[in-house]
C-alpha atoms as a PDB file:
ATOM      1  CA  MET A   1     -14.223 149.645 113.854  1.00  0.00           C
ATOM      2  CA  GLY A   2     -14.375 149.932 109.933  1.00  0.00           C
ATOM      3  CA  ASN A   3     -16.039 153.101 110.284  1.00  0.00           C
ATOM      4  CA  GLU A   4     -13.013 154.192 112.153  1.00  0.00           C
ATOM      5  CA  ALA A   5     -11.361 157.768 110.254  1.00  0.00           C
ATOM      6  CA  GLU A   6      -7.991 157.401 108.966  1.00  0.00           C
ATOM      7  CA  GLN A   7      -5.363 158.993 110.939  1.00  0.00           C
ATOM      8  CA  VAL A   8      -3.161 161.262 109.154  1.00  0.00           C
ATOM      9  CA  ILE A   9       0.362 161.982 110.442  1.00  0.00           C
ATOM     10  CA  SER A  10       2.304 165.259 108.870  1.00  0.00           C
ATOM     11  CA  ILE A  11       6.117 165.621 108.973  1.00  0.00           C
ATOM     12  CA  TYR A  12       7.925 168.698 108.314  1.00  0.00           C
ATOM     13  CA  LEU A  13      11.522 168.872 107.334  1.00  0.00           C
ATOM     14  CA  ASP A  14      14.543 170.551 106.538  1.00  0.00           C
ATOM     15  CA  ASP A  15      17.569 170.667 106.441  1.00  0.00           C
ATOM     16  CA  SER A  16      21.280 172.395 107.306  1.00  0.00           C
ATOM     17  CA  GLY A  17      24.966 171.863 106.524  1.00  0.00           C
ATOM     18  CA  VAL A  18      26.678 171.068 103.380  1.00  0.00           C
ATOM     19  CA  PHE A  19      27.104 166.806 103.122  1.00  0.00           C
ATOM     20  CA  THR A  20      30.619 166.670 101.330  1.00  0.00           C
ATOM     21  CA  VAL A  21      33.943 165.642 102.744  1.00  0.00           C
ATOM     22  CA  ALA A  22      35.726 169.063 101.663  1.00  0.00           C
ATOM     23  CA  ASP A  23      32.946 171.023 104.360  1.00  0.00           C
ATOM     24  CA  LYS A  24      34.626 171.521 107.318  1.00  0.00           C
ATOM     25  CA  SER A  25      31.298 170.809 109.642  1.00  0.00           C
ATOM     26  CA  LYS A  26      31.421 167.818 111.477  1.00  0.00           C
ATOM     27  CA  PHE A  27      27.417 167.364 110.701  1.00  0.00           C
ATOM     28  CA  PHE A  28      25.106 167.484 108.516  1.00  0.00           C
ATOM     29  CA  VAL A  29      21.335 167.548 110.006  1.00  0.00           C
ATOM     30  CA  TYR A  30      17.859 166.864 109.146  1.00  0.00           C
ATOM     31  CA  GLY A  31      15.053 168.432 111.514  1.00  0.00           C
ATOM     32  CA  GLY A  32      11.764 169.641 111.665  1.00  0.00           C
ATOM     33  CA  TYR A  33       8.130 169.096 113.631  1.00  0.00           C
ATOM     34  CA  SER A  34       5.094 166.091 113.417  1.00  0.00           C
ATOM     35  CA  PHE A  35       1.705 166.136 114.123  1.00  0.00           C
ATOM     36  CA  THR A  36      -0.806 163.551 114.597  1.00  0.00           C
ATOM     37  CA  ASN A  37      -4.182 165.906 113.841  1.00  0.00           C
ATOM     38  CA  ASP A  38      -5.210 168.826 111.829  1.00  0.00           C
ATOM     39  CA  LYS A  39      -5.601 170.824 114.883  1.00  0.00           C
ATOM     40  CA  ASP A  40      -2.637 170.802 116.734  1.00  0.00           C
ATOM     41  CA  ARG A  41      -0.732 171.540 113.116  1.00  0.00           C
ATOM     42  CA  LEU A  42      -3.237 174.232 112.101  1.00  0.00           C
ATOM     43  CA  THR A  43      -2.601 175.548 115.554  1.00  0.00           C
ATOM     44  CA  ALA A  44       1.426 175.355 115.257  1.00  0.00           C
ATOM     45  CA  LYS A  45       1.426 176.631 111.665  1.00  0.00           C
ATOM     46  CA  GLN A  46      -0.416 180.412 112.761  1.00  0.00           C
ATOM     47  CA  ILE A  47       1.237 181.024 115.904  1.00  0.00           C
ATOM     48  CA  TYR A  48       4.372 180.569 113.550  1.00  0.00           C
ATOM     49  CA  LYS A  49       2.990 183.054 110.993  1.00  0.00           C
ATOM     50  CA  LYS A  50       1.823 184.866 114.133  1.00  0.00           C
ATOM     51  CA  ARG A  51       5.572 185.431 115.053  1.00  0.00           C
ATOM     52  CA  VAL A  52       7.106 185.843 111.665  1.00  0.00           C
ATOM     53  CA  VAL A  53       4.687 188.656 110.707  1.00  0.00           C
ATOM     54  CA  GLU A  54       5.903 190.175 113.764  1.00  0.00           C
ATOM     55  CA  ILE A  55       9.807 189.612 113.639  1.00  0.00           C
ATOM     56  CA  LYS A  56       8.869 191.096 109.720  1.00  0.00           C
ATOM     57  CA  LYS A  57       7.542 194.454 110.761  1.00  0.00           C
ATOM     58  CA  SER A  58      10.430 194.779 113.416  1.00  0.00           C
ATOM     59  CA  LEU A  59      12.577 194.408 110.903  1.00  0.00           C
ATOM     60  CA  LYS A  60      10.657 196.543 108.350  1.00  0.00           C
ATOM     61  CA  LEU A  61      10.872 193.617 105.723  1.00  0.00           C
ATOM     62  CA  SER A  62       8.301 192.992 103.133  1.00  0.00           C
ATOM     63  CA  ILE A  63       5.487 190.226 104.047  1.00  0.00           C
ATOM     64  CA  ASP A  64       6.788 188.247 100.887  1.00  0.00           C
ATOM     65  CA  ASP A  65      10.083 188.073 102.397  1.00  0.00           C
ATOM     66  CA  GLU A  66      10.819 184.932 103.767  1.00  0.00           C
ATOM     67  CA  LEU A  67      13.069 184.041 106.903  1.00  0.00           C
ATOM     68  CA  LYS A  68      15.741 182.296 106.887  1.00  0.00           C
ATOM     69  CA  ALA A  69      17.704 180.519 109.958  1.00  0.00           C
ATOM     70  CA  ALA A  70      21.135 181.956 108.090  1.00  0.00           C
ATOM     71  CA  ASN A  71      19.980 185.450 108.058  1.00  0.00           C
ATOM     72  CA  LEU A  72      18.431 186.006 111.456  1.00  0.00           C
ATOM     73  CA  SER A  73      19.754 187.135 114.782  1.00  0.00           C
ATOM     74  CA  PRO A  74      20.274 184.599 117.346  1.00  0.00           C
ATOM     75  CA  LYS A  75      17.585 186.732 119.595  1.00  0.00           C
ATOM     76  CA  HIS A  76      15.054 185.840 116.490  1.00  0.00           C
ATOM     77  CA  LYS A  77      16.128 182.332 115.476  1.00  0.00           C
ATOM     78  CA  ARG A  78      15.515 181.700 119.377  1.00  0.00           C
ATOM     79  CA  SER A  79      12.080 183.449 119.158  1.00  0.00           C
ATOM     80  CA  LEU A  80      10.803 181.183 116.433  1.00  0.00           C
ATOM     81  CA  PHE A  81      12.013 178.089 118.267  1.00  0.00           C
ATOM     82  CA  GLU A  82      10.402 178.861 121.501  1.00  0.00           C
ATOM     83  CA  ILE A  83       6.761 179.178 119.570  1.00  0.00           C
ATOM     84  CA  LEU A  84       6.765 175.793 119.056  1.00  0.00           C
ATOM     85  CA  LYS A  85       8.945 174.757 121.560  1.00  0.00           C
ATOM     86  CA  HIS A  86       5.944 171.962 122.950  1.00  0.00           C
ATOM     87  CA  TYR A  87       5.263 170.295 119.655  1.00  0.00           C
ATOM     88  CA  ASN A  88       6.997 166.819 118.417  1.00  0.00           C
ATOM     89  CA  SER A  89       9.918 167.981 117.110  1.00  0.00           C
ATOM     90  CA  ILE A  90      12.864 165.393 115.464  1.00  0.00           C
ATOM     91  CA  ASP A  91      15.947 165.762 114.171  1.00  0.00           C
ATOM     92  CA  CYS A  92      18.603 163.397 112.623  1.00  0.00           C
ATOM     93  CA  ALA A  93      22.491 164.132 112.936  1.00  0.00           C
ATOM     94  CA  VAL A  94      24.871 162.812 110.113  1.00  0.00           C
ATOM     95  CA  LYS A  95      28.882 162.199 111.363  1.00  0.00           C
ATOM     96  CA  ILE A  96      30.200 163.088 107.964  1.00  0.00           C
ATOM     97  CA  ASP A  97      33.806 161.877 108.489  1.00  0.00           C
ATOM     98  CA  ALA A  98      31.855 158.348 109.606  1.00  0.00           C
ATOM     99  CA  VAL A  99      30.361 157.970 106.063  1.00  0.00           C
ATOM    100  CA  TYR A 100      32.055 155.953 103.720  1.00  0.00           C
ATOM    101  CA  PRO A 101      34.287 158.438 101.488  1.00  0.00           C
ATOM    102  CA  SER A 102      33.177 156.362  98.266  1.00  0.00           C
ATOM    103  CA  ILE A 103      29.744 157.626  99.278  1.00  0.00           C
ATOM    104  CA  LEU A 104      30.714 161.596  99.709  1.00  0.00           C
ATOM    105  CA  GLU A 105      33.101 161.494  96.709  1.00  0.00           C
ATOM    106  CA  ASN A 106      30.235 160.374  94.596  1.00  0.00           C
ATOM    107  CA  LYS A 107      26.945 162.870  94.028  1.00  0.00           C
ATOM    108  CA  LEU A 108      24.719 160.035  93.321  1.00  0.00           C
ATOM    109  CA  SER A 109      25.862 158.528  96.553  1.00  0.00           C
ATOM    110  CA  VAL A 110      24.996 161.572  98.633  1.00  0.00           C
ATOM    111  CA  HIS A 111      21.595 161.313  97.199  1.00  0.00           C
ATOM    112  CA  ARG A 112      21.336 158.109  98.159  1.00  0.00           C
ATOM    113  CA  TYR A 113      22.556 158.603 101.942  1.00  0.00           C
ATOM    114  CA  LYS A 114      20.576 161.708 102.139  1.00  0.00           C
ATOM    115  CA  ASP A 115      17.494 159.511 101.451  1.00  0.00           C
ATOM    116  CA  TYR A 116      18.722 156.658 103.274  1.00  0.00           C
ATOM    117  CA  ALA A 117      19.138 159.002 106.347  1.00  0.00           C
ATOM    118  CA  LEU A 118      15.347 160.737 105.682  1.00  0.00           C
ATOM    119  CA  LYS A 119      13.953 156.933 105.754  1.00  0.00           C
ATOM    120  CA  ARG A 120      15.544 156.318 108.816  1.00  0.00           C
ATOM    121  CA  LEU A 121      14.173 159.494 110.550  1.00  0.00           C
ATOM    122  CA  ILE A 122      10.618 159.105 109.666  1.00  0.00           C
ATOM    123  CA  LYS A 123      10.570 155.650 110.641  1.00  0.00           C
ATOM    124  CA  THR A 124      12.187 156.268 113.723  1.00  0.00           C
ATOM    125  CA  GLU A 125       9.504 159.281 114.398  1.00  0.00           C
ATOM    126  CA  MET A 126       7.167 156.906 113.389  1.00  0.00           C
ATOM    127  CA  GLU A 127       8.080 154.121 115.946  1.00  0.00           C
ATOM    128  CA  ARG A 128       8.070 157.078 118.552  1.00  0.00           C
ATOM    129  CA  LEU A 129       4.464 157.984 117.921  1.00  0.00           C
ATOM    130  CA  ILE A 130       3.642 154.822 117.893  1.00  0.00           C
ATOM    131  CA  SER A 131       5.040 153.604 121.575  1.00  0.00           C
ATOM    132  CA  ALA A 132       3.034 157.097 122.957  1.00  0.00           C
ATOM    133  CA  GLY A 133       0.194 156.187 121.761  1.00  0.00           C
ATOM    134  CA  ASN A 134      -0.451 159.197 119.065  1.00  0.00           C
ATOM    135  CA  VAL A 135      -0.779 156.921 116.491  1.00  0.00           C
ATOM    136  CA  ASP A 136      -2.078 153.390 116.233  1.00  0.00           C
ATOM    137  CA  PRO A 137      -0.659 150.622 114.150  1.00  0.00           C
ATOM    138  CA  TYR A 138      -3.735 148.912 113.751  1.00  0.00           C
ATOM    139  CA  ARG A 139      -5.572 151.448 112.015  1.00  0.00           C
ATOM    140  CA  ALA A 140      -5.346 152.130 108.735  1.00  0.00           C
ATOM    141  CA  ALA A 141      -3.423 155.567 108.020  1.00  0.00           C
ATOM    142  CA  ALA A 142      -1.541 158.450 105.749  1.00  0.00           C
ATOM    143  CA  LEU A 143       1.454 159.503 106.213  1.00  0.00           C
ATOM    144  CA  ARG A 144       2.670 163.034 104.689  1.00  0.00           C
ATOM    145  CA  VAL A 145       6.002 164.127 104.416  1.00  0.00           C
ATOM    146  CA  TYR A 146       7.026 167.608 103.356  1.00  0.00           C
ATOM    147  CA  ILE A 147      10.342 168.666 102.591  1.00  0.00           C
ATOM    148  CA  ASP A 148      11.895 172.233 101.954  1.00  0.00           C
ATOM    149  CA  GLN A 149      13.090 171.125  97.523  1.00  0.00           C
ATOM    150  CA  GLN A 150      16.433 169.394  96.903  1.00  0.00           C
ATOM    151  CA  HIS A 151      17.894 166.982  95.012  1.00  0.00           C
ATOM    152  CA  THR A 152      16.641 163.626  95.938  1.00  0.00           C
ATOM    153  CA  SER A 153      18.257 160.110  94.100  1.00  0.00           C
ATOM    154  CA  THR A 154      15.421 159.260  91.461  1.00  0.00           C
ATOM    155  CA  ASP A 155      17.043 156.386  90.187  1.00  0.00           C
ATOM    156  CA  GLY A 156      16.298 152.956  91.665  1.00  0.00           C
ATOM    157  CA  TYR A 157      13.607 151.003  91.767  1.00  0.00           C
ATOM    158  CA  TYR A 158      11.578 152.782  94.401  1.00  0.00           C
ATOM    159  CA  SER A 159      10.844 156.643  94.836  1.00  0.00           C
ATOM    160  CA  LEU A 160      11.669 157.717  98.181  1.00  0.00           C
ATOM    161  CA  SER A 161       7.819 157.675  98.998  1.00  0.00           C
ATOM    162  CA  GLU A 162       7.927 153.926  97.603  1.00  0.00           C
ATOM    163  CA  SER A 163      10.709 153.082  99.781  1.00  0.00           C
ATOM    164  CA  VAL A 164       9.127 154.390 102.782  1.00  0.00           C
ATOM    165  CA  SER A 165       5.942 153.112 101.901  1.00  0.00           C
ATOM    166  CA  GLU A 166       7.834 149.491 101.188  1.00  0.00           C
ATOM    167  CA  GLU A 167       9.045 149.515 104.887  1.00  0.00           C
ATOM    168  CA  LEU A 168       6.649 150.865 106.860  1.00  0.00           C
ATOM    169  CA  ASN A 169       3.782 148.149 105.517  1.00  0.00           C
ATOM    170  CA  HIS A 170       6.176 145.529 104.818  1.00  0.00           C
ATOM    171  CA  GLY A 171       9.447 145.559 106.583  1.00  0.00           C
ATOM    172  CA  ILE A 172      12.672 145.003 105.270  1.00  0.00           C
ATOM    173  CA  HIS A 173      15.584 142.866 104.851  1.00  0.00           C
ATOM    174  CA  ASN A 174      19.166 143.575 105.504  1.00  0.00           C
ATOM    175  CA  PHE A 175      20.794 141.184 103.556  1.00  0.00           C
ATOM    176  CA  GLU A 176      24.153 142.242 104.379  1.00  0.00           C
ATOM    177  CA  TYR A 177      23.677 140.787 108.205  1.00  0.00           C
ATOM    178  CA  GLY A 178      20.527 138.049 107.199  1.00  0.00           C
ATOM    179  CA  VAL A 179      17.991 140.349 109.382  1.00  0.00           C
ATOM    180  CA  PHE A 180      14.563 141.132 108.783  1.00  0.00           C
ATOM    181  CA  HIS A 181      13.050 144.020 110.280  1.00  0.00           C
ATOM    182  CA  ALA A 182       9.177 143.658 110.215  1.00  0.00           C
ATOM    183  CA  PRO A 183       6.651 146.322 109.575  1.00  0.00           C
ATOM    184  CA  ILE A 184       5.853 148.477 112.353  1.00  0.00           C
ATOM    185  CA  PHE A 185       2.300 148.962 110.776  1.00  0.00           C
ATOM    186  CA  LYS A 186      -0.193 146.270 110.994  1.00  0.00           C
ATOM    187  CA  ALA A 187      -3.033 147.809 109.378  1.00  0.00           C
ATOM    188  CA  PRO A 188      -2.029 149.766 105.659  1.00  0.00           C
ATOM    189  CA  ILE A 189      -0.688 153.058 105.575  1.00  0.00           C
ATOM    190  CA  SER A 190      -0.451 155.041 102.489  1.00  0.00           C
ATOM    191  CA  VAL A 191       3.056 157.316 101.900  1.00  0.00           C
ATOM    192  CA  LYS A 192       2.981 160.427  99.939  1.00  0.00           C
ATOM    193  CA  ILE A 193       6.158 162.585 100.075  1.00  0.00           C
ATOM    194  CA  GLU A 194       6.569 166.508  98.412  1.00  0.00           C
ATOM    195  CA  PHE A 195       9.275 168.496  97.940  1.00  0.00           C
ATOM    196  CA  CYS A 196       8.388 172.454  98.536  1.00  0.00           C
ATOM    197  CA  ASP A 197       9.289 175.500  98.239  1.00  0.00           C
ATOM    198  CA  SER A 198       9.565 176.704 101.774  1.00  0.00           C
ATOM    199  CA  LYS A 199       8.402 180.198 100.893  1.00  0.00           C
ATOM    200  CA  HIS A 200       5.071 178.804 100.907  1.00  0.00           C
ATOM    201  CA  HIS A 201       4.945 176.792 103.938  1.00  0.00           C
ATOM    202  CA  TYR A 202       5.418 178.106 107.274  1.00  0.00           C
ATOM    203  CA  LEU A 203       5.975 174.983 109.076  1.00  0.00           C
ATOM    204  CA  ILE A 204       8.992 174.002 106.426  1.00  0.00           C
ATOM    205  CA  GLN A 205      10.808 177.511 107.507  1.00  0.00           C
ATOM    206  CA  ALA A 206      10.129 176.393 111.476  1.00  0.00           C
ATOM    207  CA  SER A 207      11.938 173.093 109.975  1.00  0.00           C
ATOM    208  CA  ASP A 208      14.573 175.336 108.807  1.00  0.00           C
ATOM    209  CA  ILE A 209      15.096 177.145 112.619  1.00  0.00           C
ATOM    210  CA  LEU A 210      15.267 174.049 114.174  1.00  0.00           C
ATOM    211  CA  ALA A 211      17.699 172.430 112.136  1.00  0.00           C
ATOM    212  CA  ASN A 212      19.613 175.307 112.298  1.00  0.00           C
ATOM    213  CA  ARG A 213      19.875 174.922 115.884  1.00  0.00           C
ATOM    214  CA  ALA A 214      20.441 171.364 115.693  1.00  0.00           C
ATOM    215  CA  PHE A 215      23.470 172.088 113.498  1.00  0.00           C
ATOM    216  CA  THR A 216      25.067 174.909 115.418  1.00  0.00           C
ATOM    217  CA  ALA A 217      24.605 172.792 118.574  1.00  0.00           C
ATOM    218  CA  TYR A 218      26.164 169.389 117.520  1.00  0.00           C
ATOM    219  CA  ASN A 219      29.205 171.350 115.075  1.00  0.00           C
ATOM    220  CA  PHE A 220      29.879 173.556 117.876  1.00  0.00           C
ATOM    221  CA  ASP A 221      29.466 171.486 120.904  1.00  0.00           C
ATOM    222  CA  LEU A 222      26.390 173.333 122.938  1.00  0.00           C
ATOM    223  CA  PRO A 223      24.235 170.513 123.668  1.00  0.00           C
ATOM    224  CA  LYS A 224      22.496 173.496 126.015  1.00  0.00           C
ATOM    225  CA  LEU A 225      20.400 174.363 122.665  1.00  0.00           C
ATOM    226  CA  MET A 226      18.840 170.950 122.523  1.00  0.00           C
ATOM    227  CA  GLN A 227      18.194 170.283 125.708  1.00  0.00           C
ATOM    228  CA  ASP A 228      14.986 170.536 127.999  1.00  0.00           C
ATOM    229  CA  ILE A 229      13.119 170.013 124.937  1.00  0.00           C
ATOM    230  CA  ALA A 230       9.785 168.402 125.929  1.00  0.00           C
ATOM    231  CA  HIS A 231       8.884 166.217 122.948  1.00  0.00           C
ATOM    232  CA  HIS A 232      12.078 165.645 120.909  1.00  0.00           C
ATOM    233  CA  ASN A 233      13.573 162.685 118.928  1.00  0.00           C
ATOM    234  CA  HIS A 234      17.196 162.791 117.921  1.00  0.00           C
ATOM    235  CA  LEU A 235      18.990 160.166 115.679  1.00  0.00           C
ATOM    236  CA  ASP A 236      22.611 160.158 115.393  1.00  0.00           C
ATOM    237  CA  LEU A 237      23.728 158.283 112.008  1.00  0.00           C
ATOM    238  CA  PRO A 238      25.775 156.834 110.533  1.00  0.00           C
END
């Protein structure tokens, strides 16, 4: 048992929308994909890259141009979404008008809330993977999370990586309600979160497409866009 290889879980994320009370959108969204083995992760990357190259050729774009959801036609966004439709996907939709105004009016509080949303989404996905039997909580694991570059809260006692690690390994006390949430891992899990330039990460680019699709579905009341996705995990906040 002690010689078993460490489990490696990879999660890729991007956001869609503007997290501010001044924005007219109803929801701010995170979206992305999770992988529990390198074979699936690398296969997903290759088939997505192949589709990107095909679309760039059809649009006569440079190989160095990045395909962003905001600049693509619905046809091309749908094509990029469909190519990864059968992999584990996730999204978190934050209903902006349900968030305390005091949070929305303070830039640092917005950063903290984004960190909170990311932490909740990551934990929810880890629980899903454990429940599905894709991850064994009794075996050592390494969690790697790759997020499109953005500002994140850096104050306080913990970085986002440390905060996620603390909760997965040791659980968390909700002092407001006097509740202790037990850790979901029984063996050690290391956590590393990286903020990356999406231009160099095809699976973050894929997350941009998914996040944009979820944003469109929730903000324009088009639920069909998020239906019939084989392995999708959705989280509502707050």
